[in-house]
């Protein structure tokens, strides 16, 4: 499960400019329903129920006796490497000139 941490405000601009998907969420950089399809693929491959997201589905697969973490990681990497999953407006989002707020 992801851990929340405090982030100093002065670090936010560099984070936004370098990691768009982390800030806006995977829905901003992948086509609609992409994350659901990944969860379905993991569930089908490992014969587990579909969680609310691919992380929950992966966690359930990891509870199996095989505990195939390397296999799950490989499946996720291959899935996100597939060019068909990328959003059509990703180029426009990436070209935004993110600027830090003016200092007071």
Protein backbone atom coordinates (compact mmCIF):
# COMPACT_ATOMS: atom_id res chain seq x y z
CA UNK A 1 0.00 0.00 0.00
CA UNK A 2 1.26 3.48 -0.81
CA UNK A 3 2.50 5.66 2.03
CA UNK A 4 1.60 9.35 2.27
CA UNK A 5 4.37 11.80 3.05
CA UNK A 6 4.46 15.54 3.59
CA UNK A 7 5.95 17.45 0.70
CA UNK A 8 7.42 20.92 1.14
CA UNK A 9 5.65 23.38 -1.14
CA UNK A 10 8.90 24.48 -2.77
CA UNK A 11 9.43 20.93 -4.10
CA UNK A 12 6.04 20.76 -5.81
CA UNK A 13 6.95 22.59 -9.07
CA UNK A 14 9.78 20.21 -9.91
CA UNK A 15 7.59 17.22 -9.11
CA UNK A 16 4.78 18.50 -11.32
CA UNK A 17 7.06 19.30 -14.24
CA UNK A 18 8.76 15.89 -14.21
CA UNK A 19 6.06 13.43 -13.19
CA UNK A 20 2.75 14.36 -14.78
CA UNK A 21 1.08 10.99 -14.22
CA UNK A 22 1.92 11.02 -10.52
CA UNK A 23 0.30 14.40 -10.02
CA UNK A 24 -2.74 14.13 -12.28
CA UNK A 25 -3.16 10.38 -11.86
CA UNK A 26 -2.86 7.59 -14.38
CA UNK A 27 -6.17 8.60 -15.95
CA UNK A 28 -4.49 11.70 -17.34
CA UNK A 29 -1.81 9.82 -19.22
CA UNK A 30 -3.66 6.65 -20.23
CA UNK A 31 -6.88 6.07 -22.14
CA UNK A 32 -10.12 5.72 -20.22
CA UNK A 33 -10.56 2.25 -18.69
CA UNK A 34 -6.86 1.38 -19.10
CA UNK A 35 -6.26 0.83 -15.39
CA UNK A 36 -9.41 -1.29 -15.14
CA UNK A 37 -8.17 -3.45 -18.04
CA UNK A 38 -4.84 -3.96 -16.25
CA UNK A 39 -6.66 -5.08 -13.11
CA UNK A 40 -8.75 -7.48 -15.21
CA UNK A 41 -5.62 -8.94 -16.84
CA UNK A 42 -3.97 -9.55 -13.47
CA UNK A 43 -7.18 -11.12 -12.12
CA UNK A 44 -7.52 -13.38 -15.18
CA UNK A 45 -3.87 -14.43 -15.13
CA UNK A 46 -3.79 -15.27 -11.41
CA UNK A 47 -7.45 -16.35 -11.06
CA UNK A 48 -8.22 -13.82 -8.32
CA UNK A 49 -11.08 -11.35 -7.92
CA UNK A 50 -10.80 -7.86 -9.39
CA UNK A 51 -10.00 -5.23 -6.78
CA UNK A 52 -10.91 -1.54 -6.86
CA UNK A 53 -7.65 -0.94 -8.74
CA UNK A 54 -4.71 -2.91 -10.09
CA UNK A 55 -2.80 -2.51 -6.82
CA UNK A 56 -5.53 -4.29 -4.85
CA UNK A 57 -5.78 -7.00 -7.49
CA UNK A 58 -1.99 -7.43 -7.39
CA UNK A 59 -2.05 -7.62 -3.60
CA UNK A 60 -4.59 -10.44 -3.77
CA UNK A 61 -2.44 -12.28 -6.32
CA UNK A 62 0.56 -11.90 -4.02
CA UNK A 63 -1.36 -13.69 -1.26
CA UNK A 64 -1.42 -16.85 -3.37
CA UNK A 65 1.04 -19.60 -2.41
CA UNK A 66 3.09 -18.87 -5.55
CA UNK A 67 3.64 -15.23 -4.43
CA UNK A 68 4.76 -14.37 -7.97
CA UNK A 69 5.89 -10.77 -7.44
CA UNK A 70 8.31 -10.88 -10.38
CA UNK A 71 5.56 -12.17 -12.66
CA UNK A 72 3.14 -9.45 -11.60
CA UNK A 73 5.78 -6.76 -12.12
CA UNK A 74 6.51 -8.15 -15.59
CA UNK A 75 2.82 -8.20 -16.50
CA UNK A 76 2.40 -4.58 -15.37
CA UNK A 77 5.53 -3.43 -17.26
CA UNK A 78 4.41 -5.12 -20.46
CA UNK A 79 0.93 -3.67 -20.10
CA UNK A 80 2.14 -0.08 -19.67
CA UNK A 81 4.71 -0.53 -22.43
CA UNK A 82 1.91 -1.21 -24.91
CA UNK A 83 1.56 1.91 -27.08
CA UNK A 84 -2.19 1.34 -27.45
CA UNK A 85 -2.77 2.22 -23.79
CA UNK A 86 -1.35 5.73 -24.04
CA UNK A 87 -3.79 8.64 -24.04
CA UNK A 88 -4.21 10.53 -27.28
CA UNK A 89 -3.82 13.91 -25.56
CA UNK A 90 -0.63 12.96 -23.68
CA UNK A 91 1.55 15.05 -26.01
CA UNK A 92 -0.49 18.18 -25.29
CA UNK A 93 -0.31 17.56 -21.53
CA UNK A 94 3.42 17.03 -21.66
CA UNK A 95 3.99 20.29 -23.52
CA UNK A 96 2.42 22.44 -20.79
CA UNK A 97 5.01 24.84 -19.43
CA UNK A 98 4.60 24.21 -15.71
CA UNK A 99 5.95 27.16 -13.73
CA UNK A 100 6.35 27.56 -9.99
CA UNK A 101 4.10 30.12 -8.34
CA UNK A 102 5.66 33.56 -7.83
CA UNK A 103 7.45 34.02 -4.54
CA UNK A 104 5.84 36.40 -2.10
